[in-house]
Amino acid sequence: MTNGFLTILLLSISNVFMTIAWYGQLKLREFSWFESLPVFVVILMSWGVAFFEYCVQVPANRIGFRENGGPFSLIQLKVIQEVITLVIFIIFSMVVFRITIRWNHIVAMLLLIAAVYFVFKE
């Protein structure tokens, strides 16, 4: 497995945890036991999930960073991460929240993909 592929795989996994930590609690509000929790407890629960995000994200950046022997510059890593975040978020939104993706969402995603193209252009 190449460092580039491994980096993208790990960033994708980390973004699943991040999306659940940030937005999963919005879906859990549908349950009465969760609705009555103080926000501080919800924050601690989200931090617990985010811990696993960091356990995958930090190694992904270390493996992928050019100065550590990886294939990506710092800016390339960030743009890749943002596109992965958007893709994971859209899938999460469609599956968990049943949100319909509209044409403007597709255009925004295509523009981010264009950003990836330009950040890799020498």
C-alpha atoms as a PDB file:
ATOM      1  CA  MET A   1       0.000   0.000   0.000  1.00  0.00           C
ATOM      2  CA  THR A   2       1.493   3.345  -0.988  1.00  0.00           C
ATOM      3  CA  ASN A   3       1.836   6.249   1.433  1.00  0.00           C
ATOM      4  CA  GLY A   4      -0.559   8.328  -0.679  1.00  0.00           C
ATOM      5  CA  PHE A   5      -3.306   5.707  -0.667  1.00  0.00           C
ATOM      6  CA  LEU A   6      -2.799   4.967   3.036  1.00  0.00           C
ATOM      7  CA  THR A   7      -2.983   8.681   3.842  1.00  0.00           C
ATOM      8  CA  ILE A   8      -6.261   9.091   1.962  1.00  0.00           C
ATOM      9  CA  LEU A   9      -7.699   5.939   3.554  1.00  0.00           C
ATOM     10  CA  LEU A  10      -6.768   7.091   7.072  1.00  0.00           C
ATOM     11  CA  LEU A  11      -8.081  10.614   6.436  1.00  0.00           C
ATOM     12  CA  SER A  12     -11.358   9.102   5.254  1.00  0.00           C
ATOM     13  CA  ILE A  13     -11.673   6.981   8.388  1.00  0.00           C
ATOM     14  CA  SER A  14     -10.826   9.955  10.599  1.00  0.00           C
ATOM     15  CA  ASN A  15     -13.495  12.029   8.876  1.00  0.00           C
ATOM     16  CA  VAL A  16     -16.142   9.414   9.597  1.00  0.00           C
ATOM     17  CA  PHE A  17     -15.333   9.758  13.309  1.00  0.00           C
ATOM     18  CA  MET A  18     -15.224  13.555  13.035  1.00  0.00           C
ATOM     19  CA  THR A  19     -18.595  13.740  11.309  1.00  0.00           C
ATOM     20  CA  ILE A  20     -20.169  11.475  13.913  1.00  0.00           C
ATOM     21  CA  ALA A  21     -18.609  13.529  16.740  1.00  0.00           C
ATOM     22  CA  TRP A  22     -19.765  16.850  15.300  1.00  0.00           C
ATOM     23  CA  TYR A  23     -23.153  15.998  13.826  1.00  0.00           C
ATOM     24  CA  GLY A  24     -24.219  12.653  15.289  1.00  0.00           C
ATOM     25  CA  GLN A  25     -25.472  14.348  18.426  1.00  0.00           C
ATOM     26  CA  LEU A  26     -27.995  16.258  16.314  1.00  0.00           C
ATOM     27  CA  LYS A  27     -29.634  12.985  15.321  1.00  0.00           C
ATOM     28  CA  LEU A  28     -29.498  11.593  18.854  1.00  0.00           C
ATOM     29  CA  ARG A  29     -31.735  14.452  20.018  1.00  0.00           C
ATOM     30  CA  GLU A  30     -34.617  12.372  18.684  1.00  0.00           C
ATOM     31  CA  PHE A  31     -34.235  10.096  21.732  1.00  0.00           C
ATOM     32  CA  SER A  32     -35.788  11.360  24.959  1.00  0.00           C
ATOM     33  CA  TRP A  33     -32.910  10.131  27.143  1.00  0.00           C
ATOM     34  CA  PHE A  34     -30.442  12.120  25.040  1.00  0.00           C
ATOM     35  CA  GLU A  35     -32.548  15.268  24.890  1.00  0.00           C
ATOM     36  CA  SER A  36     -32.385  15.626  28.670  1.00  0.00           C
ATOM     37  CA  LEU A  37     -28.561  15.439  28.834  1.00  0.00           C
ATOM     38  CA  PRO A  38     -26.717  18.649  29.736  1.00  0.00           C
ATOM     39  CA  VAL A  39     -24.688  20.114  26.900  1.00  0.00           C
ATOM     40  CA  PHE A  40     -21.500  19.464  28.886  1.00  0.00           C
ATOM     41  CA  VAL A  41     -22.183  15.709  28.795  1.00  0.00           C
ATOM     42  CA  VAL A  42     -22.863  15.876  25.049  1.00  0.00           C
ATOM     43  CA  ILE A  43     -19.541  17.686  24.585  1.00  0.00           C
ATOM     44  CA  LEU A  44     -17.724  14.981  26.544  1.00  0.00           C
ATOM     45  CA  MET A  45     -19.405  12.293  24.447  1.00  0.00           C
ATOM     46  CA  SER A  46     -18.356  14.076  21.253  1.00  0.00           C
ATOM     47  CA  TRP A  47     -14.794  14.398  22.549  1.00  0.00           C
ATOM     48  CA  GLY A  48     -14.806  10.672  23.206  1.00  0.00           C
ATOM     49  CA  VAL A  49     -15.679   9.993  19.568  1.00  0.00           C
ATOM     50  CA  ALA A  50     -13.258  12.683  18.343  1.00  0.00           C
ATOM     51  CA  PHE A  51     -10.431  10.980  20.222  1.00  0.00           C
ATOM     52  CA  PHE A  52     -10.598   8.157  17.679  1.00  0.00           C
ATOM     53  CA  GLU A  53     -10.583  10.702  14.859  1.00  0.00           C
ATOM     54  CA  TYR A  54      -7.277  12.074  16.126  1.00  0.00           C
ATOM     55  CA  CYS A  55      -5.874   8.558  16.553  1.00  0.00           C
ATOM     56  CA  VAL A  56      -6.287   8.094  12.792  1.00  0.00           C
ATOM     57  CA  GLN A  57      -5.873  11.665  11.493  1.00  0.00           C
ATOM     58  CA  VAL A  58      -2.510  12.414  13.108  1.00  0.00           C
ATOM     59  CA  PRO A  59      -0.820   9.320  11.643  1.00  0.00           C
ATOM     60  CA  ALA A  60      -2.447  10.063   8.265  1.00  0.00           C
ATOM     61  CA  ASN A  61      -0.843  13.495   8.141  1.00  0.00           C
ATOM     62  CA  ARG A  62       2.512  12.173   9.347  1.00  0.00           C
ATOM     63  CA  ILE A  63       2.531   9.422   6.718  1.00  0.00           C
ATOM     64  CA  GLY A  64       1.352  11.712   3.929  1.00  0.00           C
ATOM     65  CA  PHE A  65       3.517  14.770   4.619  1.00  0.00           C
ATOM     66  CA  ARG A  66       6.285  15.214   2.062  1.00  0.00           C
ATOM     67  CA  GLU A  67       8.900  16.182   4.658  1.00  0.00           C
ATOM     68  CA  ASN A  68       8.246  12.867   6.447  1.00  0.00           C
ATOM     69  CA  GLY A  69       8.729  10.896   3.230  1.00  0.00           C
ATOM     70  CA  GLY A  70       5.112  11.108   2.090  1.00  0.00           C
ATOM     71  CA  PRO A  71       3.857  12.302  -1.279  1.00  0.00           C
ATOM     72  CA  PHE A  72       1.909  15.436  -0.267  1.00  0.00           C
ATOM     73  CA  SER A  73       2.777  19.019   0.605  1.00  0.00           C
ATOM     74  CA  LEU A  74       1.085  20.589   3.613  1.00  0.00           C
ATOM     75  CA  ILE A  75      -1.383  22.502   1.427  1.00  0.00           C
ATOM     76  CA  GLN A  76      -2.175  19.387  -0.603  1.00  0.00           C
ATOM     77  CA  LEU A  77      -2.898  17.459   2.599  1.00  0.00           C
ATOM     78  CA  LYS A  78      -5.312  20.159   3.756  1.00  0.00           C
ATOM     79  CA  VAL A  79      -7.190  20.349   0.458  1.00  0.00           C
ATOM     80  CA  ILE A  80      -7.445  16.549   0.266  1.00  0.00           C
ATOM     81  CA  GLN A  81      -8.793  16.502   3.830  1.00  0.00           C
ATOM     82  CA  GLU A  82     -11.416  19.147   3.047  1.00  0.00           C
ATOM     83  CA  VAL A  83     -12.688  17.267   0.002  1.00  0.00           C
ATOM     84  CA  ILE A  84     -12.838  14.020   1.975  1.00  0.00           C
ATOM     85  CA  THR A  85     -14.730  15.873   4.718  1.00  0.00           C
ATOM     86  CA  LEU A  86     -17.289  17.111   2.210  1.00  0.00           C
ATOM     87  CA  VAL A  87     -17.784  13.682   0.640  1.00  0.00           C
ATOM     88  CA  ILE A  88     -18.178  11.969   4.031  1.00  0.00           C
ATOM     89  CA  PHE A  89     -20.527  14.723   5.224  1.00  0.00           C
ATOM     90  CA  ILE A  90     -22.738  14.432   2.143  1.00  0.00           C
ATOM     91  CA  ILE A  91     -22.983  10.652   2.517  1.00  0.00           C
ATOM     92  CA  PHE A  92     -23.694  11.028   6.251  1.00  0.00           C
ATOM     93  CA  SER A  93     -26.350  13.679   5.600  1.00  0.00           C
ATOM     94  CA  MET A  94     -28.092  11.567   2.985  1.00  0.00           C
ATOM     95  CA  VAL A  95     -28.028   8.347   5.029  1.00  0.00           C
ATOM     96  CA  VAL A  96     -28.598   9.610   8.580  1.00  0.00           C
ATOM     97  CA  PHE A  97     -30.644  12.776   8.027  1.00  0.00           C
ATOM     98  CA  ARG A  98     -32.253  11.823   4.702  1.00  0.00           C
ATOM     99  CA  ILE A  99     -31.162  15.132   3.161  1.00  0.00           C
ATOM    100  CA  THR A 100     -31.633  15.470  -0.596  1.00  0.00           C
ATOM    101  CA  ILE A 101     -28.589  16.740  -2.473  1.00  0.00           C
ATOM    102  CA  ARG A 102     -29.473  19.549  -4.885  1.00  0.00           C
ATOM    103  CA  TRP A 103     -27.729  20.888  -7.972  1.00  0.00           C
ATOM    104  CA  ASN A 104     -25.939  23.653  -6.056  1.00  0.00           C
ATOM    105  CA  HIS A 105     -24.419  21.068  -3.703  1.00  0.00           C
ATOM    106  CA  ILE A 106     -23.060  19.187  -6.727  1.00  0.00           C
ATOM    107  CA  VAL A 107     -21.607  22.403  -8.181  1.00  0.00           C
ATOM    108  CA  ALA A 108     -19.933  23.206  -4.857  1.00  0.00           C
ATOM    109  CA  MET A 109     -18.420  19.720  -4.749  1.00  0.00           C
ATOM    110  CA  LEU A 110     -17.145  20.040  -8.319  1.00  0.00           C
ATOM    111  CA  LEU A 111     -15.504  23.347  -7.397  1.00  0.00           C
ATOM    112  CA  LEU A 112     -13.747  21.663  -4.482  1.00  0.00           C
ATOM    113  CA  ILE A 113     -12.572  18.897  -6.792  1.00  0.00           C
ATOM    114  CA  ALA A 114     -11.253  21.644  -9.060  1.00  0.00           C
ATOM    115  CA  ALA A 115      -9.382  23.007  -6.025  1.00  0.00           C
ATOM    116  CA  VAL A 116      -7.688  19.632  -5.644  1.00  0.00           C
ATOM    117  CA  TYR A 117      -6.663  19.774  -9.303  1.00  0.00           C
ATOM    118  CA  PHE A 118      -5.186  23.264  -8.933  1.00  0.00           C
ATOM    119  CA  VAL A 119      -3.369  22.563  -5.662  1.00  0.00           C
ATOM    120  CA  PHE A 120      -1.547  19.667  -7.365  1.00  0.00           C
ATOM    121  CA  LYS A 121      -0.685  21.726 -10.455  1.00  0.00           C
ATOM    122  CA  GLU A 122       2.984  22.709 -10.524  1.00  0.00           C
END
